C-alpha atoms as a PDB file:
ATOM      1  CA  MET A   1      39.021 -30.007   5.514  1.00  0.00           C
ATOM      2  CA  SER A   2      38.830 -28.480   8.983  1.00  0.00           C
ATOM      3  CA  LYS A   3      40.473 -25.183   9.874  1.00  0.00           C
ATOM      4  CA  ASP A   4      42.982 -24.633  12.662  1.00  0.00           C
ATOM      5  CA  GLN A   5      41.344 -23.381  15.854  1.00  0.00           C
ATOM      6  CA  LEU A   6      42.659 -21.376  18.788  1.00  0.00           C
ATOM      7  CA  LEU A   7      40.974 -22.262  22.093  1.00  0.00           C
ATOM      8  CA  PHE A   8      41.224 -20.617  25.514  1.00  0.00           C
ATOM      9  CA  CYS A   9      40.271 -22.808  28.467  1.00  0.00           C
ATOM     10  CA  PRO A  10      40.447 -21.206  31.942  1.00  0.00           C
ATOM     11  CA  LEU A  11      40.542 -24.014  34.522  1.00  0.00           C
ATOM     12  CA  GLY A  12      40.670 -21.850  37.611  1.00  0.00           C
ATOM     13  CA  GLY A  13      41.244 -18.430  39.057  1.00  0.00           C
ATOM     14  CA  SER A  14      41.564 -16.396  35.867  1.00  0.00           C
ATOM     15  CA  GLY A  15      41.782 -12.757  36.861  1.00  0.00           C
ATOM     16  CA  GLU A  16      42.822 -13.636  40.418  1.00  0.00           C
ATOM     17  CA  ILE A  17      46.161 -13.735  42.190  1.00  0.00           C
ATOM     18  CA  GLY A  18      47.016 -17.373  42.745  1.00  0.00           C
ATOM     19  CA  MET A  19      45.076 -20.567  42.018  1.00  0.00           C
ATOM     20  CA  ASN A  20      44.986 -19.773  38.309  1.00  0.00           C
ATOM     21  CA  LEU A  21      45.448 -22.168  35.407  1.00  0.00           C
ATOM     22  CA  ASN A  22      44.909 -21.075  31.833  1.00  0.00           C
ATOM     23  CA  LEU A  23      45.178 -23.423  28.870  1.00  0.00           C
ATOM     24  CA  TYR A  24      45.460 -22.646  25.196  1.00  0.00           C
ATOM     25  CA  ALA A  25      45.068 -25.140  22.361  1.00  0.00           C
ATOM     26  CA  TYR A  26      45.856 -24.699  18.681  1.00  0.00           C
ATOM     27  CA  GLY A  27      45.339 -26.947  15.700  1.00  0.00           C
ATOM     28  CA  LYS A  28      42.771 -28.942  13.865  1.00  0.00           C
ATOM     29  CA  GLU A  29      39.923 -30.597  15.762  1.00  0.00           C
ATOM     30  CA  ASP A  30      41.618 -34.000  15.900  1.00  0.00           C
ATOM     31  CA  ASN A  31      45.199 -32.759  16.474  1.00  0.00           C
ATOM     32  CA  LYS A  32      45.306 -29.861  18.938  1.00  0.00           C
ATOM     33  CA  LYS A  33      48.495 -28.982  20.807  1.00  0.00           C
ATOM     34  CA  TRP A  34      48.041 -27.663  24.353  1.00  0.00           C
ATOM     35  CA  ILE A  35      50.022 -25.184  26.441  1.00  0.00           C
ATOM     36  CA  ALA A  36      49.455 -24.311  30.110  1.00  0.00           C
ATOM     37  CA  VAL A  37      50.187 -20.702  31.004  1.00  0.00           C
ATOM     38  CA  ASP A  38      50.869 -19.659  34.588  1.00  0.00           C
ATOM     39  CA  MET A  39      49.595 -22.414  36.853  1.00  0.00           C
ATOM     40  CA  GLY A  40      49.529 -20.811  40.272  1.00  0.00           C
ATOM     41  CA  VAL A  41      48.686 -21.576  43.871  1.00  0.00           C
ATOM     42  CA  THR A  42      47.544 -19.437  46.748  1.00  0.00           C
ATOM     43  CA  PHE A  43      47.537 -19.821  50.514  1.00  0.00           C
ATOM     44  CA  ALA A  44      44.231 -20.063  52.347  1.00  0.00           C
ATOM     45  CA  ASP A  45      43.331 -17.692  55.157  1.00  0.00           C
ATOM     46  CA  ASP A  46      41.410 -18.168  58.397  1.00  0.00           C
ATOM     47  CA  SER A  47      38.082 -18.194  56.549  1.00  0.00           C
ATOM     48  CA  ILE A  48      38.827 -21.757  55.344  1.00  0.00           C
ATOM     49  CA  PRO A  49      39.861 -23.758  58.438  1.00  0.00           C
ATOM     50  CA  GLY A  50      42.012 -26.827  57.787  1.00  0.00           C
ATOM     51  CA  ILE A  51      42.989 -25.761  54.260  1.00  0.00           C
ATOM     52  CA  ASP A  52      46.532 -24.505  53.725  1.00  0.00           C
ATOM     53  CA  LEU A  53      46.952 -24.411  49.952  1.00  0.00           C
ATOM     54  CA  ILE A  54      44.492 -23.755  47.115  1.00  0.00           C
ATOM     55  CA  TYR A  55      45.275 -24.728  43.530  1.00  0.00           C
ATOM     56  CA  PRO A  56      43.285 -25.470  40.368  1.00  0.00           C
ATOM     57  CA  ASP A  57      42.120 -28.992  39.544  1.00  0.00           C
ATOM     58  CA  PRO A  58      44.523 -30.407  36.914  1.00  0.00           C
ATOM     59  CA  GLY A  59      42.164 -33.287  35.993  1.00  0.00           C
ATOM     60  CA  PHE A  60      41.544 -31.886  32.512  1.00  0.00           C
ATOM     61  CA  LEU A  61      45.309 -31.938  31.882  1.00  0.00           C
ATOM     62  CA  LEU A  62      45.511 -35.626  32.734  1.00  0.00           C
ATOM     63  CA  ASP A  63      42.822 -36.324  30.158  1.00  0.00           C
ATOM     64  CA  LYS A  64      44.843 -34.469  27.500  1.00  0.00           C
ATOM     65  CA  LYS A  65      48.275 -35.817  28.488  1.00  0.00           C
ATOM     66  CA  LYS A  66      48.675 -37.777  25.242  1.00  0.00           C
ATOM     67  CA  LYS A  67      48.816 -34.489  23.320  1.00  0.00           C
ATOM     68  CA  SER A  68      51.958 -32.385  23.098  1.00  0.00           C
ATOM     69  CA  PHE A  69      52.016 -30.219  26.174  1.00  0.00           C
ATOM     70  CA  SER A  70      54.126 -27.279  27.352  1.00  0.00           C
ATOM     71  CA  ASN A  71      54.117 -25.146  30.479  1.00  0.00           C
ATOM     72  CA  TYR A  72      55.199 -21.508  30.707  1.00  0.00           C
ATOM     73  CA  THR A  73      55.170 -19.357  33.825  1.00  0.00           C
ATOM     74  CA  TYR A  74      56.235 -15.743  33.592  1.00  0.00           C
ATOM     75  CA  PRO A  75      58.722 -14.498  36.211  1.00  0.00           C
ATOM     76  CA  CYS A  76      57.448 -12.380  39.093  1.00  0.00           C
ATOM     77  CA  SER A  77      58.905  -8.904  39.391  1.00  0.00           C
END
């Protein structure tokens, strides 16, 4: 019998303002439920010509889309 696990999976920008995407998963190995916390974007500056918006790659989420999934973003003050 496998135990429930809590996983933290930072997909981008953890500890930064903008372009962050943090995932948490909980459950047994073959039945984890995922939640995305605070998916953010940021605006590029002049150091990256031709780029206007920077955001994390959500490809991992697409791979896990068959699992239950929630998204929570805290309000800005």
